[in-house]
Protein backbone atom coordinates (compact mmCIF):
# COMPACT_ATOMS: atom_id res chain seq x y z
CA MET A 1 102.46 161.57 53.21
CA THR A 2 100.10 163.49 55.55
CA GLU A 3 100.66 163.77 59.34
CA ALA A 4 97.57 161.63 60.03
CA SER A 5 98.83 158.76 57.80
CA ALA A 6 102.37 158.99 59.31
CA GLN A 7 100.98 158.60 62.79
CA SER A 8 98.76 155.73 61.78
CA SER A 9 101.77 153.89 60.30
CA LEU A 10 103.73 154.12 63.54
CA PRO A 11 103.43 151.18 65.93
CA THR A 12 100.89 151.95 68.55
CA ALA A 13 101.50 151.47 72.31
CA LYS A 14 99.04 148.45 72.15
CA HIS A 15 101.13 146.68 69.63
CA LEU A 16 104.32 147.38 71.51
CA ASN A 17 102.79 145.96 74.72
CA LEU A 18 101.65 142.85 72.78
CA ALA A 19 105.12 142.43 71.40
CA VAL A 20 106.71 142.73 74.94
CA ARG A 21 104.20 140.28 76.46
CA ILE A 22 105.00 137.71 73.64
CA GLY A 23 108.65 138.11 74.10
CA LYS A 24 108.47 137.61 77.91
CA LYS A 25 106.18 134.59 77.26
CA LEU A 26 108.91 133.03 74.90
CA ILE A 27 111.71 133.69 77.25
CA TRP A 28 109.92 132.19 80.16
CA MET A 29 109.04 129.09 78.10
CA LEU A 30 112.72 128.70 77.22
CA LEU A 31 113.75 129.09 80.74
CA VAL A 32 111.26 126.46 81.93
CA LEU A 33 112.42 124.05 79.06
CA PHE A 34 115.98 124.43 80.22
CA GLY A 35 115.02 123.69 83.79
CA ILE A 36 113.05 120.57 82.60
CA THR A 37 115.80 119.21 80.61
CA LEU A 38 118.36 119.81 83.41
CA ILE A 39 116.37 118.03 86.08
CA SER A 40 115.35 115.17 83.66
CA PHE A 41 119.00 114.63 82.57
CA TRP A 42 120.00 114.40 86.20
CA VAL A 43 117.16 112.07 87.38
CA ILE A 44 117.39 109.50 84.48
CA HIS A 45 121.14 109.00 85.45
CA LEU A 46 120.10 108.35 89.11
CA ALA A 47 118.17 105.19 87.96
CA PRO A 48 120.08 101.95 88.36
CA GLY A 49 121.59 100.39 85.33
CA SER A 50 123.10 101.97 82.39
CA PRO A 51 123.04 101.41 78.43
CA THR A 52 126.05 99.19 78.65
CA ASP A 53 124.36 96.64 80.91
CA MET A 54 122.11 95.41 78.21
CA GLU A 55 125.16 94.72 75.93
CA THR A 56 127.67 93.40 78.52
CA THR A 57 125.68 91.77 81.40
CA LEU A 58 123.95 89.32 79.11
CA ASN A 59 127.05 88.53 77.14
CA PRO A 60 129.33 86.16 78.93
CA LEU A 61 132.28 87.10 76.60
CA ALA A 62 131.99 90.80 77.46
CA GLY A 63 134.27 91.87 80.33
CA ALA A 64 135.36 95.08 82.03
CA ALA A 65 137.34 96.12 79.02
CA ALA A 66 134.31 95.80 76.74
CA ARG A 67 132.16 97.87 79.20
CA GLN A 68 134.83 100.58 79.39
CA ARG A 69 135.03 100.84 75.61
CA LEU A 70 131.18 101.18 75.40
CA GLU A 71 131.21 103.90 78.10
CA GLU A 72 133.83 105.69 76.06
CA LEU A 73 131.81 105.23 72.98
CA TYR A 74 128.71 106.77 74.55
CA GLY A 75 130.55 109.39 76.58
CA LEU A 76 129.35 107.94 79.89
CA ASN A 77 132.87 108.07 81.41
CA ARG A 78 132.82 111.88 81.45
CA PRO A 79 131.44 114.00 84.39
CA LEU A 80 127.68 114.36 84.32
CA TYR A 81 127.63 118.13 83.76
CA ILE A 82 129.95 117.79 80.71
CA GLN A 83 127.55 115.14 79.26
CA TYR A 84 124.69 117.52 79.79
CA ALA A 85 126.53 120.39 78.26
CA ASP A 86 127.38 118.36 75.23
CA TRP A 87 123.78 117.17 74.82
CA LEU A 88 122.38 120.77 75.20
CA PHE A 89 124.81 122.12 72.61
CA ARG A 90 123.70 119.45 70.17
CA LEU A 91 120.01 120.14 71.01
CA LEU A 92 120.42 123.77 70.26
CA HIS A 93 121.38 122.65 66.70
CA PHE A 94 118.30 120.45 66.61
CA ASP A 95 120.44 117.38 66.98
CA PHE A 96 118.93 114.84 69.42
CA GLY A 97 121.84 112.47 68.94
CA ASN A 98 121.85 108.67 68.09
CA SER A 99 120.03 106.12 70.01
CA MET A 100 122.06 103.91 72.40
CA SER A 101 120.28 100.82 71.30
CA ALA A 102 121.70 98.25 68.93
CA ASP A 103 120.58 100.16 65.66
CA ALA A 104 122.15 103.41 66.73
CA ARG A 105 119.79 105.28 64.52
CA PRO A 106 119.19 109.05 65.01
CA VAL A 107 116.64 109.72 67.93
CA LEU A 108 114.66 112.32 65.87
CA THR A 109 114.25 109.86 62.97
CA LYS A 110 112.89 107.18 65.23
CA ILE A 111 110.60 109.78 66.98
CA LEU A 112 109.24 111.09 63.67
CA GLU A 113 108.49 107.59 62.45
CA ARG A 114 106.21 106.84 65.41
CA LEU A 115 104.77 110.24 66.19
CA PRO A 116 102.01 110.40 63.61
CA LEU A 117 100.31 107.19 64.88
CA THR A 118 100.31 108.26 68.54
CA VAL A 119 99.30 111.86 67.87
CA SER A 120 96.60 110.75 65.40
CA MET A 121 94.90 108.22 67.83
CA ASN A 122 94.98 110.73 70.72
CA LEU A 123 93.66 113.68 68.60
CA ILE A 124 90.77 111.45 67.43
CA SER A 125 89.86 110.37 70.92
CA LEU A 126 90.23 113.95 72.22
CA VAL A 127 87.71 115.16 69.53
CA LEU A 128 85.32 112.34 70.32
CA THR A 129 85.65 113.00 74.03
CA LEU A 130 84.76 116.75 73.57
CA LEU A 131 81.97 115.91 71.27
CA ILE A 132 80.37 113.59 73.94
CA ALA A 133 81.54 115.21 77.11
CA ILE A 134 80.48 118.77 76.60
CA PRO A 135 76.89 118.08 75.63
CA ALA A 136 76.59 115.53 78.42
CA GLY A 137 78.01 117.96 80.97
CA VAL A 138 75.68 120.76 79.79
CA VAL A 139 72.55 118.51 79.78
CA SER A 140 73.51 117.20 83.32
CA ALA A 141 73.85 120.79 84.67
CA VAL A 142 70.59 121.98 82.96
CA ARG A 143 68.64 119.02 84.41
CA GLN A 144 70.31 118.73 87.69
CA ASN A 145 69.22 115.95 89.94
CA SER A 146 66.87 114.48 87.23
CA LEU A 147 66.90 111.00 86.23
CA LEU A 148 68.91 111.73 83.13
CA ASP A 149 71.60 113.46 85.31
CA ARG A 150 71.76 110.50 87.63
CA GLY A 151 71.99 108.06 84.79
CA LEU A 152 74.85 110.04 83.17
CA THR A 153 76.59 110.23 86.50
CA VAL A 154 76.48 106.54 87.02
CA LEU A 155 77.86 105.89 83.52
CA VAL A 156 80.73 108.39 83.69
CA PHE A 157 81.78 107.06 87.12
CA LEU A 158 81.78 103.55 85.86
CA GLY A 159 84.06 104.80 83.01
CA PHE A 160 86.28 106.69 85.53
CA ALA A 161 86.46 103.58 87.82
CA MET A 162 87.60 101.25 85.05
CA PRO A 163 91.33 100.98 84.56
CA SER A 164 92.37 101.52 81.04
CA PHE A 165 94.24 98.25 80.73
CA TRP A 166 91.29 96.38 82.16
CA LEU A 167 88.90 97.89 79.76
CA ALA A 168 91.29 97.22 76.88
CA LEU A 169 91.37 93.50 77.88
CA LEU A 170 87.60 93.37 78.10
CA LEU A 171 87.07 94.92 74.55
CA MET A 172 89.71 92.63 73.18
CA LEU A 173 87.98 89.57 74.66
CA PHE A 174 84.49 90.54 73.46
CA PHE A 175 84.94 92.26 70.28
CA GLY A 176 88.15 90.53 69.13
CA ILE A 177 87.88 86.98 70.44
CA GLU A 178 84.18 86.27 71.13
CA LEU A 179 82.66 88.28 68.33
CA GLN A 180 85.79 88.34 66.02
CA TRP A 181 84.62 91.79 64.72
CA LEU A 182 87.74 93.76 65.30
CA PRO A 183 91.52 92.83 65.30
CA ILE A 184 93.17 92.97 68.74
CA SER A 185 96.74 93.87 67.84
CA GLY A 186 98.78 95.55 65.23
CA ILE A 187 97.89 98.50 62.92
CA THR A 188 97.33 96.76 59.64
CA SER A 189 96.39 93.31 58.30
CA MET A 190 98.82 91.01 56.46
CA ASN A 191 97.11 91.76 53.08
CA TYR A 192 97.16 95.46 53.50
CA ALA A 193 99.50 96.17 50.54
CA GLN A 194 97.06 94.44 48.32
CA MET A 195 94.12 96.72 49.31
CA ASP A 196 92.80 99.63 47.47
CA SER A 197 92.66 103.02 49.11
CA TRP A 198 89.26 102.63 50.64
CA GLY A 199 90.16 99.14 51.89
CA LYS A 200 93.32 100.45 53.58
CA LEU A 201 91.39 103.17 55.33
CA CYS A 202 88.76 100.74 56.63
CA ASP A 203 91.54 98.33 57.79
CA LEU A 204 93.35 101.21 59.64
CA ALA A 205 89.92 102.11 61.28
CA ARG A 206 89.23 98.56 62.35
CA HIS A 207 92.65 98.21 63.95
CA LEU A 208 92.34 101.60 65.67
CA ALA A 209 88.73 101.22 66.85
CA LEU A 210 89.55 99.43 70.07
CA PRO A 211 92.39 101.67 71.38
CA VAL A 212 90.63 104.79 70.41
CA THR A 213 87.65 103.60 72.36
CA VAL A 214 89.76 103.02 75.37
CA TYR A 215 91.29 106.47 75.13
CA THR A 216 87.86 108.11 74.76
CA VAL A 217 86.25 106.30 77.72
CA GLY A 218 89.26 107.18 79.94
CA GLY A 219 88.90 110.84 79.27
CA LEU A 220 85.09 111.12 79.00
CA ALA A 221 84.32 110.77 82.62
CA GLY A 222 86.40 113.41 83.96
CA MET A 223 85.80 115.97 81.20
CA SER A 224 82.05 115.57 81.45
CA ARG A 225 82.01 116.00 85.23
CA TYR A 226 84.19 119.08 84.99
CA MET A 227 81.99 120.48 82.38
CA ARG A 228 78.90 119.80 84.55
CA ALA A 229 80.51 121.53 87.60
CA CYS A 230 81.63 124.60 85.44
CA MET A 231 78.17 124.85 83.96
CA LEU A 232 76.41 124.73 87.26
CA GLU A 233 78.64 127.50 88.56
CA VAL A 234 77.97 129.77 85.62
CA LEU A 235 74.16 129.14 85.59
CA ARG A 236 73.97 130.60 89.13
CA GLN A 237 75.52 133.91 88.06
CA ASP A 238 73.49 137.10 87.99
CA TYR A 239 73.78 137.77 84.32
CA ILE A 240 72.13 134.40 83.51
CA LEU A 241 69.29 135.16 85.85
CA THR A 242 68.94 138.48 84.06
CA ALA A 243 68.89 136.97 80.71
CA GLN A 244 66.21 134.48 81.79
CA ALA A 245 64.14 137.39 83.36
CA LYS A 246 64.22 139.15 80.03
CA GLY A 247 62.55 136.27 78.42
CA LEU A 248 65.26 134.64 76.49
CA SER A 249 64.76 131.16 75.56
CA THR A 250 66.46 128.46 77.56
CA ARG A 251 68.49 127.29 74.49
CA THR A 252 69.81 130.79 73.98
CA VAL A 253 70.75 131.29 77.58
CA VAL A 254 72.43 127.96 77.93
CA TRP A 255 74.26 127.36 74.59
CA ARG A 256 75.06 130.99 73.81
CA HIS A 257 75.65 132.80 77.00
CA ALA A 258 76.43 130.26 79.66
CA LEU A 259 78.42 127.72 77.67
CA ARG A 260 80.92 130.18 76.43
CA ASN A 261 81.91 131.24 79.89
CA ALA A 262 81.78 127.56 81.33
CA LEU A 263 84.32 126.53 78.58
CA LEU A 264 87.09 128.78 80.08
CA PRO A 265 88.23 126.36 82.84
CA VAL A 266 87.74 123.38 80.21
CA ILE A 267 90.21 125.18 78.06
CA THR A 268 92.75 125.08 80.75
CA LEU A 269 92.25 121.39 81.14
CA LEU A 270 92.68 120.84 77.44
CA GLY A 271 95.95 122.79 77.49
CA LEU A 272 97.25 120.55 80.26
CA SER A 273 96.09 117.44 78.31
CA VAL A 274 98.37 118.13 75.35
CA PRO A 275 101.36 116.19 76.79
CA GLY A 276 98.97 113.23 77.32
CA LEU A 277 99.05 112.85 73.59
CA ILE A 278 102.31 111.08 74.07
CA GLY A 279 102.74 110.12 77.73
CA GLY A 280 99.43 108.49 78.08
CA SER A 281 100.04 106.13 75.28
CA VAL A 282 102.46 103.74 76.88
CA ILE A 283 100.16 101.28 78.40
CA ILE A 284 97.58 101.18 75.61
CA GLU A 285 100.28 100.77 72.81
CA SER A 286 101.92 97.97 74.61
CA ILE A 287 98.57 96.08 75.06
CA PHE A 288 97.50 96.47 71.46
CA ALA A 289 101.11 96.12 70.10
CA LEU A 290 100.91 99.39 68.24
CA PRO A 291 104.25 100.82 66.78
CA GLY A 292 103.69 104.24 68.43
CA LEU A 293 105.75 106.67 70.48
CA GLY A 294 104.56 105.39 73.77
CA GLN A 295 105.94 101.96 73.08
CA LEU A 296 109.18 103.34 71.84
CA PHE A 297 109.48 105.38 75.08
CA TYR A 298 108.74 102.26 77.25
CA ALA A 299 111.52 100.32 75.40
CA ALA A 300 113.85 103.16 75.83
CA VAL A 301 113.34 103.28 79.67
CA MET A 302 113.82 99.58 79.92
CA ALA A 303 117.12 99.68 77.92
CA ARG A 304 118.26 102.88 79.75
CA ASP A 305 118.62 104.53 76.29
CA TYR A 306 119.44 107.95 77.65
CA THR A 307 119.40 109.92 74.31
CA MET A 308 115.99 108.42 73.37
CA ILE A 309 114.56 109.10 76.82
CA MET A 310 115.69 112.60 76.59
CA GLY A 311 114.32 112.98 73.18
CA ASN A 312 110.90 111.88 74.37
CA LEU A 313 110.97 114.10 77.50
CA VAL A 314 111.96 117.21 75.43
CA LEU A 315 109.04 116.55 73.11
CA GLY A 316 106.64 116.13 76.09
CA ALA A 317 108.02 119.30 77.73
CA VAL A 318 107.57 121.27 74.47
CA LEU A 319 104.00 119.99 74.23
CA THR A 320 103.28 121.12 77.69
CA LEU A 321 104.51 124.58 77.08
CA VAL A 322 102.80 124.88 73.76
CA GLY A 323 99.45 123.57 75.32
CA ASN A 324 99.69 126.33 77.91
CA LEU A 325 100.26 128.88 75.19
CA LEU A 326 97.35 127.59 73.13
CA ALA A 327 95.13 127.63 76.27
CA ASP A 328 96.08 131.39 76.66
CA ILE A 329 95.16 132.08 73.13
CA CYS A 330 91.91 130.20 73.37
CA TYR A 331 91.01 132.14 76.46
CA GLY A 332 91.04 135.24 74.24
CA LEU A 333 88.90 133.64 71.67
CA ALA A 334 86.32 132.43 74.17
CA ASP A 335 86.17 135.64 76.30
CA PRO A 336 86.13 138.97 74.43
CA ARG A 337 87.05 140.71 77.69
CA ILE A 338 90.34 138.94 77.93
CA ARG A 339 91.00 139.48 74.17
CA ALA A 340 90.33 143.20 74.55
CA SER A 341 92.66 143.53 77.58
CA GLY A 342 95.43 141.72 75.87
CA GLU A 343 95.97 139.28 78.74
CA SER A 344 95.56 136.08 76.69
CA VAL A 345 99.25 136.06 75.49
């Protein structure tokens, strides 16, 4: 082996620095996750009520002895720090425990059953929001103060002003009851099992059309306005004026040079919206009676199902941290300067 090849095989300082940055990032994420779980575990136990109330208060035959046995069964009679230490130890082994509801099923099993529906609906709405909001924001910025810009502004502010539950009820009334085009609850029809593959797909699409529309309208207003503001700021930069002075077409200047830099703040917004894939589903899933994770989380809160609540909170915290990490990576993909400097990780 020659000296040159030996030197080339050694890890470079750039690779070592990248490994150190990744290690620091992961350690920081673990520390943040630990802090989130610690505070969440303490806060949920401050709320009035307990899992034993649902099983003893409404049962006239259940007395103090029954309540005490249930507390011993769930481990609620121990000090709070011991309960947290036991829960954290099981979490390190990827064991979220069993639900404190009547079925006592594993928390992770119940979450995985409902997770695909919630994530699928929110991902579809997120893609639709981006496909509509980014072009709308760019067009509004390029044609600032025009009739088109003012018309889009009115539309997006109407969407922003409408509460999601009110819009859901309007869509259900119009498309589900008046026109009877779309179902207003559930995820499948009663004869779903007898349908062929294409029929099942169409049936799912019909049931998810209204909730996906509500999700999309809710995120469209803020995203398009944010994109418009970022685009206006970029269009005032000197390099854009230089590109226009060199005779480049408006399409090239806007869609190739300005848009890429205007997307950087939007990437941050997308990273922060990842936890909303779960947290923002509670109201809509309850209105449309969809068996998703949001409805499961709402039922767990009402029943004071501590293990189920913590399972959902951990999932939301992990999504938040992953969203921030993805935003850092996308920064590097969108801006070559950040990628070259290695600051995107």
